Amino acid sequence: LAGRVALDVADALVAEGTLAPLEAGAPGAVLDAHGPLATRLGIASAIA
C-alpha cells in the first residue's frame, strides 16, 4: 500500500509503538506487534 492512506497507517503504527519510525530504503523494526491496531491488522502473524 502507498499514498496518503499508507502514510496514515504507518503513522498510526509508529504512534502506537508497533513500529520504529521508517527510513526510505532501510529495514524497519517491529517494536510491539500486540497493540490494538497491530492486533486488528494481524501484524504478529504477518511478521512471524
All heavy atoms as atom14 arrays in JSON, in Angstrom:
{
  "sequence": "LAGRVALDVADALVAEGTLAPLEAGAPGAVLDAHGPLATRLGIASAIA",
  "atom14_mask": [
    [1, 1, 1, 1, 1, 1, 1, 1, 0, 0, 0, 0, 0, 0],
    [1, 1, 1, 1, 1, 0, 0, 0, 0, 0, 0, 0, 0, 0],
    [1, 1, 1, 1, 0, 0, 0, 0, 0, 0, 0, 0, 0, 0],
    [1, 1, 1, 1, 1, 1, 1, 1, 1, 1, 1, 0, 0, 0],
    [1, 1, 1, 1, 1, 1, 1, 0, 0, 0, 0, 0, 0, 0],
    [1, 1, 1, 1, 1, 0, 0, 0, 0, 0, 0, 0, 0, 0],
    [1, 1, 1, 1, 1, 1, 1, 1, 0, 0, 0, 0, 0, 0],
    [1, 1, 1, 1, 1, 1, 1, 1, 0, 0, 0, 0, 0, 0],
    [1, 1, 1, 1, 1, 1, 1, 0, 0, 0, 0, 0, 0, 0],
    [1, 1, 1, 1, 1, 0, 0, 0, 0, 0, 0, 0, 0, 0],
    [1, 1, 1, 1, 1, 1, 1, 1, 0, 0, 0, 0, 0, 0],
    [1, 1, 1, 1, 1, 0, 0, 0, 0, 0, 0, 0, 0, 0],
    [1, 1, 1, 1, 1, 1, 1, 1, 0, 0, 0, 0, 0, 0],
    [1, 1, 1, 1, 1, 1, 1, 0, 0, 0, 0, 0, 0, 0],
    [1, 1, 1, 1, 1, 0, 0, 0, 0, 0, 0, 0, 0, 0],
    [1, 1, 1, 1, 1, 1, 1, 1, 1, 0, 0, 0, 0, 0],
    [1, 1, 1, 1, 0, 0, 0, 0, 0, 0, 0, 0, 0, 0],
    [1, 1, 1, 1, 1, 1, 1, 0, 0, 0, 0, 0, 0, 0],
    [1, 1, 1, 1, 1, 1, 1, 1, 0, 0, 0, 0, 0, 0],
    [1, 1, 1, 1, 1, 0, 0, 0, 0, 0, 0, 0, 0, 0],
    [1, 1, 1, 1, 1, 1, 1, 0, 0, 0, 0, 0, 0, 0],
    [1, 1, 1, 1, 1, 1, 1, 1, 0, 0, 0, 0, 0, 0],
    [1, 1, 1, 1, 1, 1, 1, 1, 1, 0, 0, 0, 0, 0],
    [1, 1, 1, 1, 1, 0, 0, 0, 0, 0, 0, 0, 0, 0],
    [1, 1, 1, 1, 0, 0, 0, 0, 0, 0, 0, 0, 0, 0],
    [1, 1, 1, 1, 1, 0, 0, 0, 0, 0, 0, 0, 0, 0],
    [1, 1, 1, 1, 1, 1, 1, 0, 0, 0, 0, 0, 0, 0],
    [1, 1, 1, 1, 0, 0, 0, 0, 0, 0, 0, 0, 0, 0],
    [1, 1, 1, 1, 1, 0, 0, 0, 0, 0, 0, 0, 0, 0],
    [1, 1, 1, 1, 1, 1, 1, 0, 0, 0, 0, 0, 0, 0],
    [1, 1, 1, 1, 1, 1, 1, 1, 0, 0, 0, 0, 0, 0],
    [1, 1, 1, 1, 1, 1, 1, 1, 0, 0, 0, 0, 0, 0],
    [1, 1, 1, 1, 1, 0, 0, 0, 0, 0, 0, 0, 0, 0],
    [1, 1, 1, 1, 1, 1, 1, 1, 1, 1, 0, 0, 0, 0],
    [1, 1, 1, 1, 0, 0, 0, 0, 0, 0, 0, 0, 0, 0],
    [1, 1, 1, 1, 1, 1, 1, 0, 0, 0, 0, 0, 0, 0],
    [1, 1, 1, 1, 1, 1, 1, 1, 0, 0, 0, 0, 0, 0],
    [1, 1, 1, 1, 1, 0, 0, 0, 0, 0, 0, 0, 0, 0],
    [1, 1, 1, 1, 1, 1, 1, 0, 0, 0, 0, 0, 0, 0],
    [1, 1, 1, 1, 1, 1, 1, 1, 1, 1, 1, 0, 0, 0],
    [1, 1, 1, 1, 1, 1, 1, 1, 0, 0, 0, 0, 0, 0],
    [1, 1, 1, 1, 0, 0, 0, 0, 0, 0, 0, 0, 0, 0],
    [1, 1, 1, 1, 1, 1, 1, 1, 0, 0, 0, 0, 0, 0],
    [1, 1, 1, 1, 1, 0, 0, 0, 0, 0, 0, 0, 0, 0],
    [1, 1, 1, 1, 1, 1, 0, 0, 0, 0, 0, 0, 0, 0],
    [1, 1, 1, 1, 1, 0, 0, 0, 0, 0, 0, 0, 0, 0],
    [1, 1, 1, 1, 1, 1, 1, 1, 0, 0, 0, 0, 0, 0],
    [1, 1, 1, 1, 1, 0, 0, 0, 0, 0, 0, 0, 0, 0]
  ],
  "atom14_positions": [
    [[0.83, -1.2, 0.0], [0.0, 0.0, 0.0], [0.87, 1.25, 0.0], [1.86, 1.33, 0.71], [-0.88, -0.02, 1.25], [-1.89, 1.11, 1.43], [-2.98, 1.03, 0.37], [-2.51, 1.02, 2.83], [0.0, 0.0, 0.0], [0.0, 0.0, 0.0], [0.0, 0.0, 0.0], [0.0, 0.0, 0.0], [0.0, 0.0, 0.0], [0.0, 0.0, 0.0]],
    [[0.45, 2.26, -0.8], [1.16, 3.54, -0.85], [0.15, 4.67, -0.9], [-1.06, 4.44, -1.03], [2.07, 3.58, -2.09], [0.0, 0.0, 0.0], [0.0, 0.0, 0.0], [0.0, 0.0, 0.0], [0.0, 0.0, 0.0], [0.0, 0.0, 0.0], [0.0, 0.0, 0.0], [0.0, 0.0, 0.0], [0.0, 0.0, 0.0], [0.0, 0.0, 0.0]],
    [[0.63, 5.9, -0.83], [-0.24, 7.08, -0.85], [-0.52, 7.58, 0.56], [0.03, 7.07, 1.55], [0.0, 0.0, 0.0], [0.0, 0.0, 0.0], [0.0, 0.0, 0.0], [0.0, 0.0, 0.0], [0.0, 0.0, 0.0], [0.0, 0.0, 0.0], [0.0, 0.0, 0.0], [0.0, 0.0, 0.0], [0.0, 0.0, 0.0], [0.0, 0.0, 0.0]],
    [[-1.39, 8.59, 0.63], [-1.69, 9.2, 1.94], [-2.24, 8.19, 2.93], [-1.89, 8.24, 4.11], [-2.66, 10.36, 1.76], [-2.0, 11.62, 1.23], [-2.95, 12.81, 1.22], [-4.15, 12.57, 0.45], [-4.28, 12.8, -0.86], [-3.25, 13.28, -1.54], [-5.4, 12.56, -1.48], [0.0, 0.0, 0.0], [0.0, 0.0, 0.0], [0.0, 0.0, 0.0]],
    [[-3.1, 7.28, 2.48], [-3.66, 6.32, 3.44], [-2.58, 5.39, 3.97], [-2.61, 5.02, 5.15], [-4.85, 5.52, 2.86], [-6.01, 6.43, 2.53], [-4.47, 4.7, 1.67], [0.0, 0.0, 0.0], [0.0, 0.0, 0.0], [0.0, 0.0, 0.0], [0.0, 0.0, 0.0], [0.0, 0.0, 0.0], [0.0, 0.0, 0.0], [0.0, 0.0, 0.0]],
    [[-1.6, 5.04, 3.16], [-0.5, 4.19, 3.63], [0.32, 4.92, 4.69], [0.73, 4.32, 5.69], [0.4, 3.8, 2.46], [0.0, 0.0, 0.0], [0.0, 0.0, 0.0], [0.0, 0.0, 0.0], [0.0, 0.0, 0.0], [0.0, 0.0, 0.0], [0.0, 0.0, 0.0], [0.0, 0.0, 0.0], [0.0, 0.0, 0.0], [0.0, 0.0, 0.0]],
    [[0.52, 6.21, 4.48], [1.27, 7.0, 5.46], [0.47, 7.16, 6.74], [1.04, 7.15, 7.84], [1.64, 8.34, 4.88], [2.63, 8.24, 3.7], [2.8, 9.59, 3.03], [3.96, 7.68, 4.14], [0.0, 0.0, 0.0], [0.0, 0.0, 0.0], [0.0, 0.0, 0.0], [0.0, 0.0, 0.0], [0.0, 0.0, 0.0], [0.0, 0.0, 0.0]],
    [[-0.86, 7.27, 6.63], [-1.71, 7.34, 7.83], [-1.6, 6.05, 8.64], [-1.5, 6.09, 9.87], [-3.17, 7.59, 7.46], [-3.43, 8.98, 6.95], [-2.56, 9.87, 7.1], [-4.52, 9.2, 6.37], [0.0, 0.0, 0.0], [0.0, 0.0, 0.0], [0.0, 0.0, 0.0], [0.0, 0.0, 0.0], [0.0, 0.0, 0.0], [0.0, 0.0, 0.0]],
    [[-1.6, 4.91, 7.95], [-1.46, 3.62, 8.65], [-0.08, 3.54, 9.3], [0.04, 3.16, 10.47], [-1.69, 2.43, 7.68], [-1.34, 1.11, 8.35], [-3.13, 2.41, 7.19], [0.0, 0.0, 0.0], [0.0, 0.0, 0.0], [0.0, 0.0, 0.0], [0.0, 0.0, 0.0], [0.0, 0.0, 0.0], [0.0, 0.0, 0.0], [0.0, 0.0, 0.0]],
    [[0.97, 3.89, 8.57], [2.32, 3.86, 9.12], [2.44, 4.78, 10.33], [3.0, 4.39, 11.36], [3.34, 4.24, 8.05], [0.0, 0.0, 0.0], [0.0, 0.0, 0.0], [0.0, 0.0, 0.0], [0.0, 0.0, 0.0], [0.0, 0.0, 0.0], [0.0, 0.0, 0.0], [0.0, 0.0, 0.0], [0.0, 0.0, 0.0], [0.0, 0.0, 0.0]],
    [[1.91, 6.0, 10.21], [1.97, 6.95, 11.32], [1.25, 6.41, 12.55], [1.72, 6.56, 13.68], [1.37, 8.29, 10.92], [2.22, 9.06, 9.92], [3.41, 8.71, 9.73], [1.69, 10.02, 9.31], [0.0, 0.0, 0.0], [0.0, 0.0, 0.0], [0.0, 0.0, 0.0], [0.0, 0.0, 0.0], [0.0, 0.0, 0.0], [0.0, 0.0, 0.0]],
    [[0.09, 5.77, 12.33], [-0.68, 5.22, 13.45], [0.09, 4.07, 14.12], [0.1, 3.96, 15.35], [-2.05, 4.74, 12.97], [0.0, 0.0, 0.0], [0.0, 0.0, 0.0], [0.0, 0.0, 0.0], [0.0, 0.0, 0.0], [0.0, 0.0, 0.0], [0.0, 0.0, 0.0], [0.0, 0.0, 0.0], [0.0, 0.0, 0.0], [0.0, 0.0, 0.0]],
    [[0.75, 3.24, 13.32], [1.52, 2.14, 13.89], [2.76, 2.63, 14.63], [3.14, 2.06, 15.65], [1.88, 1.12, 12.8], [0.69, 0.32, 12.27], [1.09, -0.47, 11.02], [0.13, -0.61, 13.34], [0.0, 0.0, 0.0], [0.0, 0.0, 0.0], [0.0, 0.0, 0.0], [0.0, 0.0, 0.0], [0.0, 0.0, 0.0], [0.0, 0.0, 0.0]],
    [[3.38, 3.69, 14.14], [4.51, 4.29, 14.86], [4.02, 4.93, 16.16], [4.61, 4.73, 17.23], [5.26, 5.31, 13.97], [6.25, 6.13, 14.79], [5.96, 4.6, 12.82], [0.0, 0.0, 0.0], [0.0, 0.0, 0.0], [0.0, 0.0, 0.0], [0.0, 0.0, 0.0], [0.0, 0.0, 0.0], [0.0, 0.0, 0.0], [0.0, 0.0, 0.0]],
    [[2.91, 5.68, 16.09], [2.37, 6.34, 17.29], [1.95, 5.32, 18.35], [2.1, 5.57, 19.54], [1.17, 7.22, 16.9], [0.0, 0.0, 0.0], [0.0, 0.0, 0.0], [0.0, 0.0, 0.0], [0.0, 0.0, 0.0], [0.0, 0.0, 0.0], [0.0, 0.0, 0.0], [0.0, 0.0, 0.0], [0.0, 0.0, 0.0], [0.0, 0.0, 0.0]],
    [[1.44, 4.17, 17.91], [1.01, 3.12, 18.83], [2.21, 2.42, 19.48], [2.06, 1.74, 20.49], [0.16, 2.11, 18.05], [-0.31, 0.93, 18.85], [-1.2, 0.01, 18.03], [-0.67, -0.84, 17.3], [-2.43, 0.16, 18.15], [0.0, 0.0, 0.0], [0.0, 0.0, 0.0], [0.0, 0.0, 0.0], [0.0, 0.0, 0.0], [0.0, 0.0, 0.0]],
    [[3.39, 2.57, 18.87], [4.57, 1.88, 19.38], [4.8, 0.53, 18.74], [5.66, -0.23, 19.17], [0.0, 0.0, 0.0], [0.0, 0.0, 0.0], [0.0, 0.0, 0.0], [0.0, 0.0, 0.0], [0.0, 0.0, 0.0], [0.0, 0.0, 0.0], [0.0, 0.0, 0.0], [0.0, 0.0, 0.0], [0.0, 0.0, 0.0], [0.0, 0.0, 0.0]],
    [[4.04, 0.24, 17.69], [4.21, -1.03, 16.98], [5.47, -1.01, 16.13], [6.23, -1.97, 16.12], [2.99, -1.3, 16.08], [1.84, -1.44, 16.92], [3.16, -2.57, 15.26], [0.0, 0.0, 0.0], [0.0, 0.0, 0.0], [0.0, 0.0, 0.0], [0.0, 0.0, 0.0], [0.0, 0.0, 0.0], [0.0, 0.0, 0.0], [0.0, 0.0, 0.0]],
    [[5.7, 0.09, 15.41], [6.86, 0.22, 14.53], [7.77, 1.34, 14.98], [7.3, 2.36, 15.49], [6.41, 0.53, 13.09], [5.57, -0.49, 12.35], [5.24, 0.03, 10.96], [6.28, -1.83, 12.27], [0.0, 0.0, 0.0], [0.0, 0.0, 0.0], [0.0, 0.0, 0.0], [0.0, 0.0, 0.0], [0.0, 0.0, 0.0], [0.0, 0.0, 0.0]],
    [[9.06, 1.16, 14.72], [10.01, 2.27, 14.84], [9.79, 3.18, 13.64], [9.32, 2.72, 12.59], [11.43, 1.72, 14.85], [0.0, 0.0, 0.0], [0.0, 0.0, 0.0], [0.0, 0.0, 0.0], [0.0, 0.0, 0.0], [0.0, 0.0, 0.0], [0.0, 0.0, 0.0], [0.0, 0.0, 0.0], [0.0, 0.0, 0.0], [0.0, 0.0, 0.0]],
    [[10.1, 4.47, 13.74], [9.97, 5.35, 12.57], [10.71, 4.77, 11.37], [11.8, 4.21, 11.5], [10.58, 6.66, 13.05], [10.38, 6.65, 14.53], [10.56, 5.19, 14.92], [0.0, 0.0, 0.0], [0.0, 0.0, 0.0], [0.0, 0.0, 0.0], [0.0, 0.0, 0.0], [0.0, 0.0, 0.0], [0.0, 0.0, 0.0], [0.0, 0.0, 0.0]],
    [[10.1, 4.91, 10.2], [10.64, 4.33, 8.97], [11.63, 5.26, 8.29], [11.48, 6.48, 8.33], [9.5, 4.03, 8.0], [8.47, 3.01, 8.47], [7.25, 3.05, 7.56], [9.07, 1.63, 8.51], [0.0, 0.0, 0.0], [0.0, 0.0, 0.0], [0.0, 0.0, 0.0], [0.0, 0.0, 0.0], [0.0, 0.0, 0.0], [0.0, 0.0, 0.0]],
    [[12.61, 4.66, 7.64], [13.55, 5.38, 6.78], [13.47, 4.75, 5.4], [13.46, 3.52, 5.28], [14.97, 5.29, 7.32], [15.17, 5.99, 8.65], [16.61, 5.91, 9.11], [17.52, 5.97, 8.25], [16.81, 5.77, 10.32], [0.0, 0.0, 0.0], [0.0, 0.0, 0.0], [0.0, 0.0, 0.0], [0.0, 0.0, 0.0], [0.0, 0.0, 0.0]],
    [[13.45, 5.58, 4.36], [13.34, 5.08, 2.99], [14.52, 4.18, 2.66], [15.68, 4.53, 2.9], [13.26, 6.24, 2.01], [0.0, 0.0, 0.0], [0.0, 0.0, 0.0], [0.0, 0.0, 0.0], [0.0, 0.0, 0.0], [0.0, 0.0, 0.0], [0.0, 0.0, 0.0], [0.0, 0.0, 0.0], [0.0, 0.0, 0.0], [0.0, 0.0, 0.0]],
    [[14.22, 3.0, 2.12], [15.24, 2.07, 1.69], [15.91, 1.28, 2.79], [16.79, 0.47, 2.52], [0.0, 0.0, 0.0], [0.0, 0.0, 0.0], [0.0, 0.0, 0.0], [0.0, 0.0, 0.0], [0.0, 0.0, 0.0], [0.0, 0.0, 0.0], [0.0, 0.0, 0.0], [0.0, 0.0, 0.0], [0.0, 0.0, 0.0], [0.0, 0.0, 0.0]],
    [[15.51, 1.51, 4.03], [16.17, 0.84, 5.15], [15.23, -0.16, 5.8], [14.02, 0.04, 5.83], [16.59, 1.88, 6.2], [0.0, 0.0, 0.0], [0.0, 0.0, 0.0], [0.0, 0.0, 0.0], [0.0, 0.0, 0.0], [0.0, 0.0, 0.0], [0.0, 0.0, 0.0], [0.0, 0.0, 0.0], [0.0, 0.0, 0.0], [0.0, 0.0, 0.0]],
    [[15.8, -1.24, 6.34], [14.96, -2.18, 7.09], [14.33, -1.46, 8.28], [14.96, -0.59, 8.9], [15.93, -3.26, 7.57], [17.13, -3.12, 6.71], [17.19, -1.67, 6.29], [0.0, 0.0, 0.0], [0.0, 0.0, 0.0], [0.0, 0.0, 0.0], [0.0, 0.0, 0.0], [0.0, 0.0, 0.0], [0.0, 0.0, 0.0], [0.0, 0.0, 0.0]],
    [[13.1, -1.8, 8.59], [12.41, -1.22, 9.73], [12.39, -2.2, 10.88], [12.91, -3.31, 10.77], [0.0, 0.0, 0.0], [0.0, 0.0, 0.0], [0.0, 0.0, 0.0], [0.0, 0.0, 0.0], [0.0, 0.0, 0.0], [0.0, 0.0, 0.0], [0.0, 0.0, 0.0], [0.0, 0.0, 0.0], [0.0, 0.0, 0.0], [0.0, 0.0, 0.0]],
    [[11.78, -1.78, 11.98], [11.73, -2.65, 13.15], [10.34, -2.66, 13.74], [9.7, -1.62, 13.88], [12.72, -2.15, 14.2], [0.0, 0.0, 0.0], [0.0, 0.0, 0.0], [0.0, 0.0, 0.0], [0.0, 0.0, 0.0], [0.0, 0.0, 0.0], [0.0, 0.0, 0.0], [0.0, 0.0, 0.0], [0.0, 0.0, 0.0], [0.0, 0.0, 0.0]],
    [[9.88, -3.87, 14.05], [8.63, -4.03, 14.79], [9.0, -4.03, 16.26], [9.8, -4.84, 16.71], [7.91, -5.34, 14.4], [6.67, -5.54, 15.25], [7.57, -5.34, 12.92], [0.0, 0.0, 0.0], [0.0, 0.0, 0.0], [0.0, 0.0, 0.0], [0.0, 0.0, 0.0], [0.0, 0.0, 0.0], [0.0, 0.0, 0.0], [0.0, 0.0, 0.0]],
    [[8.43, -3.09, 16.99], [8.75, -2.95, 18.42], [7.78, -3.74, 19.29], [8.18, -4.3, 20.3], [8.71, -1.47, 18.82], [9.64, -0.55, 18.02], [9.41, 0.9, 18.42], [11.09, -0.96, 18.2], [0.0, 0.0, 0.0], [0.0, 0.0, 0.0], [0.0, 0.0, 0.0], [0.0, 0.0, 0.0], [0.0, 0.0, 0.0], [0.0, 0.0, 0.0]],
    [[6.5, -3.76, 18.9], [5.47, -4.46, 19.67], [4.3, -4.78, 18.74], [3.58, -3.88, 18.32], [4.99, -3.57, 20.82], [3.87, -4.21, 21.65], [3.56, -5.41, 21.42], [3.3, -3.52, 22.5], [0.0, 0.0, 0.0], [0.0, 0.0, 0.0], [0.0, 0.0, 0.0], [0.0, 0.0, 0.0], [0.0, 0.0, 0.0], [0.0, 0.0, 0.0]],
    [[4.14, -6.03, 18.41], [3.11, -6.44, 17.46], [1.77, -6.72, 18.12], [0.89, -7.32, 17.51], [3.57, -7.68, 16.7], [0.0, 0.0, 0.0], [0.0, 0.0, 0.0], [0.0, 0.0, 0.0], [0.0, 0.0, 0.0], [0.0, 0.0, 0.0], [0.0, 0.0, 0.0], [0.0, 0.0, 0.0], [0.0, 0.0, 0.0], [0.0, 0.0, 0.0]],
    [[1.58, -6.26, 19.37], [0.36, -6.61, 20.09], [-0.46, -5.41, 20.55], [-1.34, -5.55, 21.4], [0.71, -7.51, 21.27], [1.43, -8.75, 20.85], [0.82, -9.75, 20.13], [2.73, -9.12, 20.97], [1.71, -10.7, 19.86], [2.87, -10.33, 20.36], [0.0, 0.0, 0.0], [0.0, 0.0, 0.0], [0.0, 0.0, 0.0], [0.0, 0.0, 0.0]],
    [[-0.21, -4.24, 20.0], [-1.05, -3.08, 20.29], [-2.42, -3.25, 19.65], [-2.62, -4.17, 18.83], [0.0, 0.0, 0.0], [0.0, 0.0, 0.0], [0.0, 0.0, 0.0], [0.0, 0.0, 0.0], [0.0, 0.0, 0.0], [0.0, 0.0, 0.0], [0.0, 0.0, 0.0], [0.0, 0.0, 0.0], [0.0, 0.0, 0.0], [0.0, 0.0, 0.0]],
    [[-3.38, -2.41, 19.99], [-4.74, -2.58, 19.46], [-4.81, -2.57, 17.92], [-5.45, -3.44, 17.33], [-5.5, -1.39, 20.05], [-4.71, -0.96, 21.23], [-3.29, -1.32, 20.95], [0.0, 0.0, 0.0], [0.0, 0.0, 0.0], [0.0, 0.0, 0.0], [0.0, 0.0, 0.0], [0.0, 0.0, 0.0], [0.0, 0.0, 0.0], [0.0, 0.0, 0.0]],
    [[-4.17, -1.61, 17.27], [-4.21, -1.57, 15.81], [-3.41, -2.71, 15.21], [-3.85, -3.35, 14.25], [-3.69, -0.22, 15.29], [-3.7, -0.05, 13.77], [-5.11, -0.22, 13.19], [-3.12, 1.3, 13.39], [0.0, 0.0, 0.0], [0.0, 0.0, 0.0], [0.0, 0.0, 0.0], [0.0, 0.0, 0.0], [0.0, 0.0, 0.0], [0.0, 0.0, 0.0]],
    [[-2.25, -2.99, 15.79], [-1.42, -4.1, 15.3], [-2.18, -5.42, 15.38], [-2.15, -6.23, 14.45], [-0.13, -4.18, 16.11], [0.0, 0.0, 0.0], [0.0, 0.0, 0.0], [0.0, 0.0, 0.0], [0.0, 0.0, 0.0], [0.0, 0.0, 0.0], [0.0, 0.0, 0.0], [0.0, 0.0, 0.0], [0.0, 0.0, 0.0], [0.0, 0.0, 0.0]],
    [[-2.88, -5.62, 16.47], [-3.68, -6.85, 16.63], [-4.8, -6.89, 15.61], [-5.03, -7.92, 14.96], [-4.24, -6.94, 18.06], [-3.14, -6.95, 18.97], [-5.09, -8.18, 18.25], [0.0, 0.0, 0.0], [0.0, 0.0, 0.0], [0.0, 0.0, 0.0], [0.0, 0.0, 0.0], [0.0, 0.0, 0.0], [0.0, 0.0, 0.0], [0.0, 0.0, 0.0]],
    [[-5.49, -5.78, 15.44], [-6.59, -5.71, 14.48], [-6.14, -6.01, 13.05], [-6.86, -6.61, 12.27], [-7.22, -4.33, 14.54], [-8.39, -4.19, 13.63], [-9.09, -2.91, 13.91], [-10.26, -2.86, 13.07], [-10.92, -1.78, 12.83], [-10.55, -0.65, 13.37], [-11.97, -1.8, 12.05], [0.0, 0.0, 0.0], [0.0, 0.0, 0.0], [0.0, 0.0, 0.0]],
    [[-4.91, -5.57, 12.71], [-4.4, -5.76, 11.36], [-3.61, -7.06, 11.2], [-3.1, -7.35, 10.13], [-3.53, -4.57, 10.96], [-4.27, -3.24, 10.84], [-3.3, -2.1, 10.57], [-5.35, -3.31, 9.75], [0.0, 0.0, 0.0], [0.0, 0.0, 0.0], [0.0, 0.0, 0.0], [0.0, 0.0, 0.0], [0.0, 0.0, 0.0], [0.0, 0.0, 0.0]],
    [[-3.49, -7.85, 12.26], [-2.83, -9.15, 12.17], [-1.33, -9.06, 11.93], [-0.75, -9.89, 11.23], [0.0, 0.0, 0.0], [0.0, 0.0, 0.0], [0.0, 0.0, 0.0], [0.0, 0.0, 0.0], [0.0, 0.0, 0.0], [0.0, 0.0, 0.0], [0.0, 0.0, 0.0], [0.0, 0.0, 0.0], [0.0, 0.0, 0.0], [0.0, 0.0, 0.0]],
    [[-0.69, -8.07, 12.53], [0.73, -7.84, 12.27], [1.61, -8.97, 12.81], [2.57, -9.37, 12.16], [1.15, -6.47, 12.81], [0.54, -5.41, 11.89], [2.65, -6.33, 12.91], [0.75, -4.0, 12.31], [0.0, 0.0, 0.0], [0.0, 0.0, 0.0], [0.0, 0.0, 0.0], [0.0, 0.0, 0.0], [0.0, 0.0, 0.0], [0.0, 0.0, 0.0]],
    [[1.29, -9.53, 13.94], [2.11, -10.6, 14.51], [2.21, -11.77, 13.55], [3.3, -12.31, 13.32], [1.55, -11.04, 15.86], [0.0, 0.0, 0.0], [0.0, 0.0, 0.0], [0.0, 0.0, 0.0], [0.0, 0.0, 0.0], [0.0, 0.0, 0.0], [0.0, 0.0, 0.0], [0.0, 0.0, 0.0], [0.0, 0.0, 0.0], [0.0, 0.0, 0.0]],
    [[1.11, -12.16, 12.94], [1.15, -13.29, 12.0], [1.88, -12.92, 10.72], [2.54, -13.75, 10.11], [-0.26, -13.8, 11.69], [-1.0, -12.8, 11.02], [0.0, 0.0, 0.0], [0.0, 0.0, 0.0], [0.0, 0.0, 0.0], [0.0, 0.0, 0.0], [0.0, 0.0, 0.0], [0.0, 0.0, 0.0], [0.0, 0.0, 0.0], [0.0, 0.0, 0.0]],
    [[1.8, -11.66, 10.3], [2.46, -11.22, 9.07], [3.97, -11.27, 9.19], [4.66, -11.58, 8.22], [2.02, -9.81, 8.7], [0.0, 0.0, 0.0], [0.0, 0.0, 0.0], [0.0, 0.0, 0.0], [0.0, 0.0, 0.0], [0.0, 0.0, 0.0], [0.0, 0.0, 0.0], [0.0, 0.0, 0.0], [0.0, 0.0, 0.0], [0.0, 0.0, 0.0]],
    [[4.49, -10.98, 10.37], [5.95, -10.95, 10.53], [6.5, -12.27, 11.07], [7.71, -12.44, 11.13], [6.4, -9.78, 11.43], [5.81, -9.91, 12.83], [6.02, -8.46, 10.79], [6.39, -8.96, 13.83], [0.0, 0.0, 0.0], [0.0, 0.0, 0.0], [0.0, 0.0, 0.0], [0.0, 0.0, 0.0], [0.0, 0.0, 0.0], [0.0, 0.0, 0.0]],
    [[5.62, -13.2, 11.44], [6.07, -14.46, 12.03], [6.7, -15.39, 11.0], [7.52, -16.23, 11.35], [4.9, -15.16, 12.72], [0.0, 0.0, 0.0], [0.0, 0.0, 0.0], [0.0, 0.0, 0.0], [0.0, 0.0, 0.0], [0.0, 0.0, 0.0], [0.0, 0.0, 0.0], [0.0, 0.0, 0.0], [0.0, 0.0, 0.0], [0.0, 0.0, 0.0]]
  ]
}
